[in-house]
Amino acid sequence: MNCPNCGGDELHLDRINLAKENMPIENDIISLADFYKVMGDATRIKLLIALESGPLCVSDLSCCLNMTLSAVSHQLKTLKTAKLVRANKVGKIVYYELDDDHIKKILDMGIEHILEKN
């Protein structure tokens, strides 16, 4: 069978098979898309970047981002549901932090990528 796009005499079956073998299952792809939807919001990215430096309470985050407490709380709920942040209660204060080191690595790699010079 001819490859209609590149004009080759045959489809690249070895590459097709490798791509299919490496393809995650559909539910994992949907979960990954949902992850990027949550990460695709500038306010949530700012919150995550603020939390890279360590645990902060809602008031701290509100001051860092110049946002209302309710707006910060709303975004933190989304991040917590997506398992990007976790909450630790110390007395009456709840501190938020990145859920794990993967989140920091993803943020750092993203920043590195957009700052690359051509």
PDB file of N, CA and C in Angstrom:
ATOM      1  N   MET A   1       0.838  -1.169   0.000  1.00  0.00           N
ATOM      2  CA  MET A   1       0.000   0.000   0.000  1.00  0.00           C
ATOM      3  C   MET A   1       0.890   1.241   0.000  1.00  0.00           C
ATOM      4  N   ASN A   2       0.583   2.193  -0.856  1.00  0.00           N
ATOM      5  CA  ASN A   2       1.361   3.423  -0.954  1.00  0.00           C
ATOM      6  C   ASN A   2       1.027   4.393   0.170  1.00  0.00           C
ATOM      7  N   CYS A   3       2.028   5.123   0.592  1.00  0.00           N
ATOM      8  CA  CYS A   3       1.829   6.164   1.592  1.00  0.00           C
ATOM      9  C   CYS A   3       1.340   7.415   0.857  1.00  0.00           C
ATOM     10  N   PRO A   4       0.100   7.825   1.082  1.00  0.00           N
ATOM     11  CA  PRO A   4      -0.462   8.943   0.319  1.00  0.00           C
ATOM     12  C   PRO A   4       0.152  10.296   0.661  1.00  0.00           C
ATOM     13  N   ASN A   5       0.761  10.422   1.856  1.00  0.00           N
ATOM     14  CA  ASN A   5       1.265  11.727   2.278  1.00  0.00           C
ATOM     15  C   ASN A   5       2.701  11.993   1.875  1.00  0.00           C
ATOM     16  N   CYS A   6       3.571  11.020   2.033  1.00  0.00           N
ATOM     17  CA  CYS A   6       4.977  11.291   1.760  1.00  0.00           C
ATOM     18  C   CYS A   6       5.392  10.822   0.367  1.00  0.00           C
ATOM     19  N   GLY A   7       4.491  10.175  -0.339  1.00  0.00           N
ATOM     20  CA  GLY A   7       4.785   9.765  -1.702  1.00  0.00           C
ATOM     21  C   GLY A   7       5.620   8.509  -1.802  1.00  0.00           C
ATOM     22  N   GLY A   8       5.871   7.862  -0.660  1.00  0.00           N
ATOM     23  CA  GLY A   8       6.648   6.629  -0.676  1.00  0.00           C
ATOM     24  C   GLY A   8       5.853   5.489  -1.295  1.00  0.00           C
ATOM     25  N   ASP A   9       6.581   4.426  -1.632  1.00  0.00           N
ATOM     26  CA  ASP A   9       5.937   3.283  -2.264  1.00  0.00           C
ATOM     27  C   ASP A   9       5.136   2.457  -1.267  1.00  0.00           C
ATOM     28  N   GLU A  10       5.488   2.544   0.022  1.00  0.00           N
ATOM     29  CA  GLU A  10       4.804   1.719   1.008  1.00  0.00           C
ATOM     30  C   GLU A  10       4.585   2.509   2.293  1.00  0.00           C
ATOM     31  N   LEU A  11       3.573   2.085   3.047  1.00  0.00           N
ATOM     32  CA  LEU A  11       3.393   2.632   4.379  1.00  0.00           C
ATOM     33  C   LEU A  11       4.580   2.225   5.237  1.00  0.00           C
ATOM     34  N   HIS A  12       4.857   2.978   6.239  1.00  0.00           N
ATOM     35  CA  HIS A  12       5.976   2.696   7.131  1.00  0.00           C
ATOM     36  C   HIS A  12       5.477   1.791   8.251  1.00  0.00           C
ATOM     37  N   LEU A  13       5.265   0.517   7.940  1.00  0.00           N
ATOM     38  CA  LEU A  13       4.639  -0.415   8.869  1.00  0.00           C
ATOM     39  C   LEU A  13       5.424  -0.582  10.167  1.00  0.00           C
ATOM     40  N   ASP A  14       6.743  -0.563  10.092  1.00  0.00           N
ATOM     41  CA  ASP A  14       7.529  -0.696  11.320  1.00  0.00           C
ATOM     42  C   ASP A  14       7.295   0.483  12.256  1.00  0.00           C
ATOM     43  N   ARG A  15       7.201   1.674  11.687  1.00  0.00           N
ATOM     44  CA  ARG A  15       6.953   2.869  12.498  1.00  0.00           C
ATOM     45  C   ARG A  15       5.518   2.888  13.022  1.00  0.00           C
ATOM     46  N   ILE A  16       4.590   2.459  12.195  1.00  0.00           N
ATOM     47  CA  ILE A  16       3.182   2.385  12.610  1.00  0.00           C
ATOM     48  C   ILE A  16       3.036   1.415  13.772  1.00  0.00           C
ATOM     49  N   ASN A  17       3.623   0.243  13.649  1.00  0.00           N
ATOM     50  CA  ASN A  17       3.522  -0.760  14.705  1.00  0.00           C
ATOM     51  C   ASN A  17       4.166  -0.285  16.002  1.00  0.00           C
ATOM     52  N   LEU A  18       5.312   0.377  15.899  1.00  0.00           N
ATOM     53  CA  LEU A  18       5.978   0.901  17.086  1.00  0.00           C
ATOM     54  C   LEU A  18       5.116   1.967  17.759  1.00  0.00           C
ATOM     55  N   ALA A  19       4.522   2.840  16.961  1.00  0.00           N
ATOM     56  CA  ALA A  19       3.652   3.883  17.511  1.00  0.00           C
ATOM     57  C   ALA A  19       2.452   3.261  18.219  1.00  0.00           C
ATOM     58  N   LYS A  20       1.875   2.231  17.625  1.00  0.00           N
ATOM     59  CA  LYS A  20       0.726   1.552  18.243  1.00  0.00           C
ATOM     60  C   LYS A  20       1.124   0.853  19.535  1.00  0.00           C
ATOM     61  N   GLU A  21       2.292   0.233  19.555  1.00  0.00           N
ATOM     62  CA  GLU A  21       2.771  -0.455  20.760  1.00  0.00           C
ATOM     63  C   GLU A  21       2.999   0.514  21.912  1.00  0.00           C
ATOM     64  N   ASN A  22       3.446   1.730  21.581  1.00  0.00           N
ATOM     65  CA  ASN A  22       3.746   2.725  22.605  1.00  0.00           C
ATOM     66  C   ASN A  22       2.528   3.543  23.028  1.00  0.00           C
ATOM     67  N   MET A  23       1.395   3.346  22.373  1.00  0.00           N
ATOM     68  CA  MET A  23       0.195   4.118  22.666  1.00  0.00           C
ATOM     69  C   MET A  23      -0.441   3.631  23.968  1.00  0.00           C
ATOM     70  N   PRO A  24      -0.632   4.533  24.952  1.00  0.00           N
ATOM     71  CA  PRO A  24      -1.306   4.139  26.194  1.00  0.00           C
ATOM     72  C   PRO A  24      -2.769   3.773  25.917  1.00  0.00           C
ATOM     73  N   ILE A  25      -3.393   3.119  26.892  1.00  0.00           N
ATOM     74  CA  ILE A  25      -4.801   2.774  26.720  1.00  0.00           C
ATOM     75  C   ILE A  25      -5.643   4.049  26.747  1.00  0.00           C
ATOM     76  N   GLU A  26      -6.833   3.970  26.197  1.00  0.00           N
ATOM     77  CA  GLU A  26      -7.698   5.135  26.022  1.00  0.00           C
ATOM     78  C   GLU A  26      -7.968   5.876  27.340  1.00  0.00           C
ATOM     79  N   ASN A  27      -8.244   5.148  28.416  1.00  0.00           N
ATOM     80  CA  ASN A  27      -8.524   5.808  29.700  1.00  0.00           C
ATOM     81  C   ASN A  27      -7.333   6.609  30.198  1.00  0.00           C
ATOM     82  N   ASP A  28      -6.127   6.110  29.963  1.00  0.00           N
ATOM     83  CA  ASP A  28      -4.925   6.844  30.373  1.00  0.00           C
ATOM     84  C   ASP A  28      -4.728   8.097  29.524  1.00  0.00           C
ATOM     85  N   ILE A  29      -5.075   8.018  28.262  1.00  0.00           N
ATOM     86  CA  ILE A  29      -4.977   9.193  27.386  1.00  0.00           C
ATOM     87  C   ILE A  29      -5.969  10.264  27.832  1.00  0.00           C
ATOM     88  N   ILE A  30      -7.171   9.847  28.186  1.00  0.00           N
ATOM     89  CA  ILE A  30      -8.182  10.789  28.663  1.00  0.00           C
ATOM     90  C   ILE A  30      -7.727  11.429  29.972  1.00  0.00           C
ATOM     91  N   SER A  31      -7.151  10.635  30.875  1.00  0.00           N
ATOM     92  CA  SER A  31      -6.636  11.173  32.137  1.00  0.00           C
ATOM     93  C   SER A  31      -5.513  12.179  31.894  1.00  0.00           C
ATOM     94  N   LEU A  32      -4.646  11.884  30.938  1.00  0.00           N
ATOM     95  CA  LEU A  32      -3.559  12.810  30.603  1.00  0.00           C
ATOM     96  C   LEU A  32      -4.112  14.111  30.028  1.00  0.00           C
ATOM     97  N   ALA A  33      -5.112  14.007  29.175  1.00  0.00           N
ATOM     98  CA  ALA A  33      -5.740  15.208  28.617  1.00  0.00           C
ATOM     99  C   ALA A  33      -6.370  16.045  29.726  1.00  0.00           C
ATOM    100  N   ASP A  34      -7.023  15.385  30.682  1.00  0.00           N
ATOM    101  CA  ASP A  34      -7.620  16.099  31.816  1.00  0.00           C
ATOM    102  C   ASP A  34      -6.547  16.786  32.653  1.00  0.00           C
ATOM    103  N   PHE A  35      -5.422  16.109  32.843  1.00  0.00           N
ATOM    104  CA  PHE A  35      -4.284  16.684  33.572  1.00  0.00           C
ATOM    105  C   PHE A  35      -3.835  17.981  32.896  1.00  0.00           C
ATOM    106  N   TYR A  36      -3.683  17.949  31.573  1.00  0.00           N
ATOM    107  CA  TYR A  36      -3.235  19.145  30.866  1.00  0.00           C
ATOM    108  C   TYR A  36      -4.300  20.235  30.843  1.00  0.00           C
ATOM    109  N   LYS A  37      -5.578  19.859  30.904  1.00  0.00           N
ATOM    110  CA  LYS A  37      -6.624  20.877  31.009  1.00  0.00           C
ATOM    111  C   LYS A  37      -6.479  21.651  32.311  1.00  0.00           C
ATOM    112  N   VAL A  38      -6.226  20.939  33.402  1.00  0.00           N
ATOM    113  CA  VAL A  38      -6.035  21.596  34.692  1.00  0.00           C
ATOM    114  C   VAL A  38      -4.771  22.445  34.657  1.00  0.00           C
ATOM    115  N   MET A  39      -3.717  21.922  34.081  1.00  0.00           N
ATOM    116  CA  MET A  39      -2.449  22.654  33.996  1.00  0.00           C
ATOM    117  C   MET A  39      -2.525  23.811  32.995  1.00  0.00           C
ATOM    118  N   GLY A  40      -3.557  23.839  32.175  1.00  0.00           N
ATOM    119  CA  GLY A  40      -3.662  24.829  31.112  1.00  0.00           C
ATOM    120  C   GLY A  40      -4.259  26.162  31.531  1.00  0.00           C
ATOM    121  N   ASP A  41      -4.264  26.453  32.817  1.00  0.00           N
ATOM    122  CA  ASP A  41      -4.831  27.699  33.313  1.00  0.00           C
ATOM    123  C   ASP A  41      -3.714  28.527  33.958  1.00  0.00           C
ATOM    124  N   ALA A  42      -3.563  29.768  33.536  1.00  0.00           N
ATOM    125  CA  ALA A  42      -2.455  30.608  34.009  1.00  0.00           C
ATOM    126  C   ALA A  42      -2.495  30.823  35.516  1.00  0.00           C
ATOM    127  N   THR A  43      -3.669  30.998  36.088  1.00  0.00           N
ATOM    128  CA  THR A  43      -3.767  31.200  37.534  1.00  0.00           C
ATOM    129  C   THR A  43      -3.303  29.962  38.283  1.00  0.00           C
ATOM    130  N   ARG A  44      -3.717  28.793  37.816  1.00  0.00           N
ATOM    131  CA  ARG A  44      -3.296  27.561  38.487  1.00  0.00           C
ATOM    132  C   ARG A  44      -1.796  27.349  38.336  1.00  0.00           C
ATOM    133  N   ILE A  45      -1.247  27.709  37.185  1.00  0.00           N
ATOM    134  CA  ILE A  45       0.210  27.612  36.992  1.00  0.00           C
ATOM    135  C   ILE A  45       0.922  28.531  37.989  1.00  0.00           C
ATOM    136  N   LYS A  46       0.416  29.748  38.177  1.00  0.00           N
ATOM    137  CA  LYS A  46       1.022  30.670  39.151  1.00  0.00           C
ATOM    138  C   LYS A  46       0.992  30.075  40.553  1.00  0.00           C
ATOM    139  N   LEU A  47      -0.134  29.478  40.927  1.00  0.00           N
ATOM    140  CA  LEU A  47      -0.235  28.852  42.245  1.00  0.00           C
ATOM    141  C   LEU A  47       0.782  27.731  42.389  1.00  0.00           C
ATOM    142  N   LEU A  48       0.894  26.902  41.373  1.00  0.00           N
ATOM    143  CA  LEU A  48       1.849  25.793  41.425  1.00  0.00           C
ATOM    144  C   LEU A  48       3.280  26.300  41.523  1.00  0.00           C
ATOM    145  N   ILE A  49       3.593  27.335  40.766  1.00  0.00           N
ATOM    146  CA  ILE A  49       4.945  27.900  40.817  1.00  0.00           C
ATOM    147  C   ILE A  49       5.222  28.497  42.199  1.00  0.00           C
ATOM    148  N   ALA A  50       4.224  29.163  42.774  1.00  0.00           N
ATOM    149  CA  ALA A  50       4.398  29.705  44.135  1.00  0.00           C
ATOM    150  C   ALA A  50       4.670  28.578  45.126  1.00  0.00           C
ATOM    151  N   LEU A  51       4.010  27.452  44.942  1.00  0.00           N
ATOM    152  CA  LEU A  51       4.173  26.326  45.861  1.00  0.00           C
ATOM    153  C   LEU A  51       5.476  25.560  45.641  1.00  0.00           C
ATOM    154  N   GLU A  52       6.171  25.850  44.553  1.00  0.00           N
ATOM    155  CA  GLU A  52       7.478  25.209  44.338  1.00  0.00           C
ATOM    156  C   GLU A  52       8.455  25.576  45.464  1.00  0.00           C
ATOM    157  N   SER A  53       8.281  26.748  46.035  1.00  0.00           N
ATOM    158  CA  SER A  53       9.212  27.186  47.085  1.00  0.00           C
ATOM    159  C   SER A  53       8.881  26.599  48.453  1.00  0.00           C
ATOM    160  N   GLY A  54       7.760  25.904  48.556  1.00  0.00           N
ATOM    161  CA  GLY A  54       7.399  25.259  49.818  1.00  0.00           C
ATOM    162  C   GLY A  54       5.941  25.487  50.169  1.00  0.00           C
ATOM    163  N   PRO A  55       5.505  24.869  51.265  1.00  0.00           N
ATOM    164  CA  PRO A  55       4.100  24.964  51.676  1.00  0.00           C
ATOM    165  C   PRO A  55       3.681  26.400  51.987  1.00  0.00           C
ATOM    166  N   LEU A  56       2.465  26.735  51.564  1.00  0.00           N
ATOM    167  CA  LEU A  56       1.886  28.047  51.835  1.00  0.00           C
ATOM    168  C   LEU A  56       0.410  27.882  52.175  1.00  0.00           C
ATOM    169  N   CYS A  57      -0.105  28.764  53.012  1.00  0.00           N
ATOM    170  CA  CYS A  57      -1.531  28.745  53.323  1.00  0.00           C
ATOM    171  C   CYS A  57      -2.271  29.604  52.285  1.00  0.00           C
ATOM    172  N   VAL A  58      -3.590  29.581  52.360  1.00  0.00           N
ATOM    173  CA  VAL A  58      -4.400  30.338  51.401  1.00  0.00           C
ATOM    174  C   VAL A  58      -4.088  31.827  51.482  1.00  0.00           C
ATOM    175  N   SER A  59      -3.900  32.337  52.688  1.00  0.00           N
ATOM    176  CA  SER A  59      -3.581  33.772  52.842  1.00  0.00           C
ATOM    177  C   SER A  59      -2.247  34.116  52.194  1.00  0.00           C
ATOM    178  N   ASP A  60      -1.255  33.244  52.385  1.00  0.00           N
ATOM    179  CA  ASP A  60       0.056  33.462  51.758  1.00  0.00           C
ATOM    180  C   ASP A  60      -0.080  33.507  50.237  1.00  0.00           C
ATOM    181  N   LEU A  61      -0.810  32.535  49.715  1.00  0.00           N
ATOM    182  CA  LEU A  61      -0.992  32.455  48.263  1.00  0.00           C
ATOM    183  C   LEU A  61      -1.779  33.654  47.745  1.00  0.00           C
ATOM    184  N   SER A  62      -2.762  34.086  48.511  1.00  0.00           N
ATOM    185  CA  SER A  62      -3.544  35.256  48.144  1.00  0.00           C
ATOM    186  C   SER A  62      -2.655  36.487  48.000  1.00  0.00           C
ATOM    187  N   CYS A  63      -1.728  36.655  48.947  1.00  0.00           N
ATOM    188  CA  CYS A  63      -0.786  37.787  48.893  1.00  0.00           C
ATOM    189  C   CYS A  63       0.193  37.643  47.731  1.00  0.00           C
ATOM    190  N   CYS A  64       0.696  36.433  47.530  1.00  0.00           N
ATOM    191  CA  CYS A  64       1.664  36.188  46.449  1.00  0.00           C
ATOM    192  C   CYS A  64       1.083  36.537  45.077  1.00  0.00           C
ATOM    193  N   LEU A  65      -0.164  36.150  44.868  1.00  0.00           N
ATOM    194  CA  LEU A  65      -0.772  36.298  43.547  1.00  0.00           C
ATOM    195  C   LEU A  65      -1.718  37.492  43.447  1.00  0.00           C
ATOM    196  N   ASN A  66      -1.854  38.247  44.559  1.00  0.00           N
ATOM    197  CA  ASN A  66      -2.757  39.393  44.571  1.00  0.00           C
ATOM    198  C   ASN A  66      -4.173  38.988  44.135  1.00  0.00           C
ATOM    199  N   MET A  67      -4.659  37.939  44.779  1.00  0.00           N
ATOM    200  CA  MET A  67      -5.986  37.401  44.487  1.00  0.00           C
ATOM    201  C   MET A  67      -6.797  37.348  45.784  1.00  0.00           C
ATOM    202  N   THR A  68      -8.117  37.234  45.656  1.00  0.00           N
ATOM    203  CA  THR A  68      -8.954  37.089  46.837  1.00  0.00           C
ATOM    204  C   THR A  68      -8.784  35.688  47.416  1.00  0.00           C
ATOM    205  N   LEU A  69      -9.095  35.566  48.694  1.00  0.00           N
ATOM    206  CA  LEU A  69      -9.022  34.267  49.353  1.00  0.00           C
ATOM    207  C   LEU A  69      -9.950  33.262  48.679  1.00  0.00           C
ATOM    208  N   SER A  70     -11.152  33.706  48.307  1.00  0.00           N
ATOM    209  CA  SER A  70     -12.106  32.772  47.692  1.00  0.00           C
ATOM    210  C   SER A  70     -11.630  32.314  46.312  1.00  0.00           C
ATOM    211  N   ALA A  71     -11.002  33.204  45.560  1.00  0.00           N
ATOM    212  CA  ALA A  71     -10.489  32.812  44.236  1.00  0.00           C
ATOM    213  C   ALA A  71      -9.359  31.798  44.381  1.00  0.00           C
ATOM    214  N   VAL A  72      -8.481  32.024  45.342  1.00  0.00           N
ATOM    215  CA  VAL A  72      -7.380  31.086  45.587  1.00  0.00           C
ATOM    216  C   VAL A  72      -7.938  29.745  46.034  1.00  0.00           C
ATOM    217  N   SER A  73      -8.881  29.775  46.970  1.00  0.00           N
ATOM    218  CA  SER A  73      -9.482  28.530  47.474  1.00  0.00           C
ATOM    219  C   SER A  73     -10.140  27.740  46.357  1.00  0.00           C
ATOM    220  N   HIS A  74     -10.834  28.441  45.476  1.00  0.00           N
ATOM    221  CA  HIS A  74     -11.497  27.777  44.340  1.00  0.00           C
ATOM    222  C   HIS A  74     -10.473  27.057  43.455  1.00  0.00           C
ATOM    223  N   GLN A  75      -9.382  27.730  43.137  1.00  0.00           N
ATOM    224  CA  GLN A  75      -8.362  27.130  42.283  1.00  0.00           C
ATOM    225  C   GLN A  75      -7.638  25.991  42.997  1.00  0.00           C
ATOM    226  N   LEU A  76      -7.413  26.142  44.291  1.00  0.00           N
ATOM    227  CA  LEU A  76      -6.758  25.073  45.056  1.00  0.00           C
ATOM    228  C   LEU A  76      -7.616  23.812  45.090  1.00  0.00           C
ATOM    229  N   LYS A  77      -8.928  23.995  45.152  1.00  0.00           N
ATOM    230  CA  LYS A  77      -9.825  22.834  45.139  1.00  0.00           C
ATOM    231  C   LYS A  77      -9.650  22.057  43.834  1.00  0.00           C
ATOM    232  N   THR A  78      -9.574  22.778  42.731  1.00  0.00           N
ATOM    233  CA  THR A  78      -9.366  22.134  41.428  1.00  0.00           C
ATOM    234  C   THR A  78      -8.026  21.415  41.397  1.00  0.00           C
ATOM    235  N   LEU A  79      -6.981  22.067  41.884  1.00  0.00           N
ATOM    236  CA  LEU A  79      -5.645  21.459  41.895  1.00  0.00           C
ATOM    237  C   LEU A  79      -5.585  20.249  42.821  1.00  0.00           C
ATOM    238  N   LYS A  80      -6.288  20.328  43.927  1.00  0.00           N
ATOM    239  CA  LYS A  80      -6.304  19.207  44.869  1.00  0.00           C
ATOM    240  C   LYS A  80      -7.068  18.017  44.281  1.00  0.00           C
ATOM    241  N   THR A  81      -8.195  18.285  43.640  1.00  0.00           N
ATOM    242  CA  THR A  81      -8.980  17.221  42.999  1.00  0.00           C
ATOM    243  C   THR A  81      -8.160  16.519  41.927  1.00  0.00           C
ATOM    244  N   ALA A  82      -7.340  17.285  41.217  1.00  0.00           N
ATOM    245  CA  ALA A  82      -6.490  16.728  40.156  1.00  0.00           C
ATOM    246  C   ALA A  82      -5.214  16.101  40.716  1.00  0.00           C
ATOM    247  N   LYS A  83      -5.058  16.126  42.037  1.00  0.00           N
ATOM    248  CA  LYS A  83      -3.894  15.553  42.720  1.00  0.00           C
ATOM    249  C   LYS A  83      -2.579  16.233  42.331  1.00  0.00           C
ATOM    250  N   LEU A  84      -2.672  17.549  42.103  1.00  0.00           N
ATOM    251  CA  LEU A  84      -1.469  18.331  41.825  1.00  0.00           C
ATOM    252  C   LEU A  84      -0.941  18.993  43.090  1.00  0.00           C
ATOM    253  N   VAL A  85      -1.840  19.225  44.047  1.00  0.00           N
ATOM    254  CA  VAL A  85      -1.431  19.743  45.347  1.00  0.00           C
ATOM    255  C   VAL A  85      -2.073  18.891  46.437  1.00  0.00           C
ATOM    256  N   ARG A  86      -1.487  18.975  47.617  1.00  0.00           N
ATOM    257  CA  ARG A  86      -2.077  18.309  48.781  1.00  0.00           C
ATOM    258  C   ARG A  86      -2.118  19.314  49.923  1.00  0.00           C
ATOM    259  N   ALA A  87      -3.029  19.053  50.841  1.00  0.00           N
ATOM    260  CA  ALA A  87      -3.227  19.943  51.982  1.00  0.00           C
ATOM    261  C   ALA A  87      -2.795  19.246  53.256  1.00  0.00           C
ATOM    262  N   ASN A  88      -2.131  20.005  54.125  1.00  0.00           N
ATOM    263  CA  ASN A  88      -1.727  19.512  55.443  1.00  0.00           C
ATOM    264  C   ASN A  88      -2.203  20.511  56.485  1.00  0.00           C
ATOM    265  N   LYS A  89      -3.030  20.029  57.395  1.00  0.00           N
ATOM    266  CA  LYS A  89      -3.553  20.904  58.438  1.00  0.00           C
ATOM    267  C   LYS A  89      -2.608  20.890  59.638  1.00  0.00           C
ATOM    268  N   VAL A  90      -2.201  22.088  60.053  1.00  0.00           N
ATOM    269  CA  VAL A  90      -1.355  22.260  61.231  1.00  0.00           C
ATOM    270  C   VAL A  90      -2.124  23.191  62.164  1.00  0.00           C
ATOM    271  N   GLY A  91      -2.705  22.610  63.182  1.00  0.00           N
ATOM    272  CA  GLY A  91      -3.583  23.397  64.050  1.00  0.00           C
ATOM    273  C   GLY A  91      -4.807  23.822  63.264  1.00  0.00           C
ATOM    274  N   LYS A  92      -5.038  25.129  63.210  1.00  0.00           N
ATOM    275  CA  LYS A  92      -6.182  25.658  62.462  1.00  0.00           C
ATOM    276  C   LYS A  92      -5.824  26.042  61.026  1.00  0.00           C
ATOM    277  N   ILE A  93      -4.554  26.005  60.706  1.00  0.00           N
ATOM    278  CA  ILE A  93      -4.098  26.477  59.391  1.00  0.00           C
ATOM    279  C   ILE A  93      -3.866  25.296  58.459  1.00  0.00           C
ATOM    280  N   VAL A  94      -4.342  25.450  57.217  1.00  0.00           N
ATOM    281  CA  VAL A  94      -4.122  24.438  56.187  1.00  0.00           C
ATOM    282  C   VAL A  94      -3.023  24.953  55.258  1.00  0.00           C
ATOM    283  N   TYR A  95      -1.983  24.159  55.127  1.00  0.00           N
ATOM    284  CA  TYR A  95      -0.887  24.492  54.222  1.00  0.00           C
ATOM    285  C   TYR A  95      -0.997  23.630  52.978  1.00  0.00           C
ATOM    286  N   TYR A  96      -0.775  24.247  51.843  1.00  0.00           N
ATOM    287  CA  TYR A  96      -0.812  23.538  50.569  1.00  0.00           C
ATOM    288  C   TYR A  96       0.613  23.395  50.046  1.00  0.00           C
ATOM    289  N   GLU A  97       0.841  22.277  49.381  1.00  0.00           N
ATOM    290  CA  GLU A  97       2.147  22.031  48.759  1.00  0.00           C
ATOM    291  C   GLU A  97       1.939  21.180  47.515  1.00  0.00           C
ATOM    292  N   LEU A  98       2.964  21.167  46.665  1.00  0.00           N
ATOM    293  CA  LEU A  98       2.901  20.317  45.475  1.00  0.00           C
ATOM    294  C   LEU A  98       2.739  18.870  45.908  1.00  0.00           C
ATOM    295  N   ASP A  99       1.929  18.131  45.175  1.00  0.00           N
ATOM    296  CA  ASP A  99       1.640  16.753  45.575  1.00  0.00           C
ATOM    297  C   ASP A  99       2.877  15.871  45.541  1.00  0.00           C
ATOM    298  N   ASP A 100       3.735  16.060  44.546  1.00  0.00           N
ATOM    299  CA  ASP A 100       4.978  15.291  44.488  1.00  0.00           C
ATOM    300  C   ASP A 100       5.980  15.998  43.589  1.00  0.00           C
ATOM    301  N   ASP A 101       7.163  15.439  43.515  1.00  0.00           N
ATOM    302  CA  ASP A 101       8.248  16.064  42.754  1.00  0.00           C
ATOM    303  C   ASP A 101       7.978  16.083  41.250  1.00  0.00           C
ATOM    304  N   HIS A 102       7.087  15.203  40.773  1.00  0.00           N
ATOM    305  CA  HIS A 102       6.767  15.193  39.338  1.00  0.00           C
ATOM    306  C   HIS A 102       6.183  16.537  38.893  1.00  0.00           C
ATOM    307  N   ILE A 103       5.364  17.124  39.740  1.00  0.00           N
ATOM    308  CA  ILE A 103       4.733  18.394  39.377  1.00  0.00           C
ATOM    309  C   ILE A 103       5.796  19.469  39.197  1.00  0.00           C
ATOM    310  N   LYS A 104       6.745  19.532  40.110  1.00  0.00           N
ATOM    311  CA  LYS A 104       7.846  20.497  39.998  1.00  0.00           C
ATOM    312  C   LYS A 104       8.642  20.256  38.714  1.00  0.00           C
ATOM    313  N   LYS A 105       8.932  18.997  38.415  1.00  0.00           N
ATOM    314  CA  LYS A 105       9.694  18.680  37.203  1.00  0.00           C
ATOM    315  C   LYS A 105       8.939  19.101  35.949  1.00  0.00           C
ATOM    316  N   ILE A 106       7.634  18.863  35.928  1.00  0.00           N
ATOM    317  CA  ILE A 106       6.822  19.240  34.768  1.00  0.00           C
ATOM    318  C   ILE A 106       6.844  20.754  34.586  1.00  0.00           C
ATOM    319  N   LEU A 107       6.672  21.496  35.685  1.00  0.00           N
ATOM    320  CA  LEU A 107       6.722  22.956  35.611  1.00  0.00           C
ATOM    321  C   LEU A 107       8.088  23.437  35.139  1.00  0.00           C
ATOM    322  N   ASP A 108       9.141  22.892  35.732  1.00  0.00           N
ATOM    323  CA  ASP A 108      10.500  23.307  35.370  1.00  0.00           C
ATOM    324  C   ASP A 108      10.812  23.005  33.912  1.00  0.00           C
ATOM    325  N   MET A 109      10.403  21.833  33.448  1.00  0.00           N
ATOM    326  CA  MET A 109      10.652  21.475  32.046  1.00  0.00           C
ATOM    327  C   MET A 109       9.857  22.372  31.104  1.00  0.00           C
ATOM    328  N   GLY A 110       8.634  22.708  31.491  1.00  0.00           N
ATOM    329  CA  GLY A 110       7.821  23.599  30.665  1.00  0.00           C
ATOM    330  C   GLY A 110       8.442  24.976  30.540  1.00  0.00           C
ATOM    331  N   ILE A 111       8.899  25.519  31.669  1.00  0.00           N
ATOM    332  CA  ILE A 111       9.554  26.830  31.649  1.00  0.00           C
ATOM    333  C   ILE A 111      10.828  26.773  30.813  1.00  0.00           C
ATOM    334  N   GLU A 112      11.610  25.719  31.022  1.00  0.00           N
ATOM    335  CA  GLU A 112      12.848  25.558  30.247  1.00  0.00           C
ATOM    336  C   GLU A 112      12.539  25.518  28.752  1.00  0.00           C
ATOM    337  N   HIS A 113      11.489  24.817  28.390  1.00  0.00           N
ATOM    338  CA  HIS A 113      11.127  24.683  26.981  1.00  0.00           C
ATOM    339  C   HIS A 113      10.750  26.032  26.361  1.00  0.00           C
ATOM    340  N   ILE A 114       9.924  26.812  27.085  1.00  0.00           N
ATOM    341  CA  ILE A 114       9.496  28.081  26.487  1.00  0.00           C
ATOM    342  C   ILE A 114      10.596  29.133  26.475  1.00  0.00           C
ATOM    343  N   LEU A 115      11.615  28.952  27.315  1.00  0.00           N
ATOM    344  CA  LEU A 115      12.717  29.917  27.354  1.00  0.00           C
ATOM    345  C   LEU A 115      13.871  29.564  26.419  1.00  0.00           C
ATOM    346  N   GLU A 116      13.757  28.401  25.777  1.00  0.00           N
ATOM    347  CA  GLU A 116      14.835  28.000  24.850  1.00  0.00           C
ATOM    348  C   GLU A 116      14.985  29.037  23.743  1.00  0.00           C
ATOM    349  N   LYS A 117      16.226  29.237  23.366  1.00  0.00           N
ATOM    350  CA  LYS A 117      16.495  30.128  22.236  1.00  0.00           C
ATOM    351  C   LYS A 117      16.624  29.299  20.971  1.00  0.00           C
ATOM    352  N   ASN A 118      16.071  29.819  19.915  1.00  0.00           N
ATOM    353  CA  ASN A 118      16.151  29.119  18.622  1.00  0.00           C
ATOM    354  C   ASN A 118      17.529  29.239  18.017  1.00  0.00           C
TER     355      ASN A 118
END
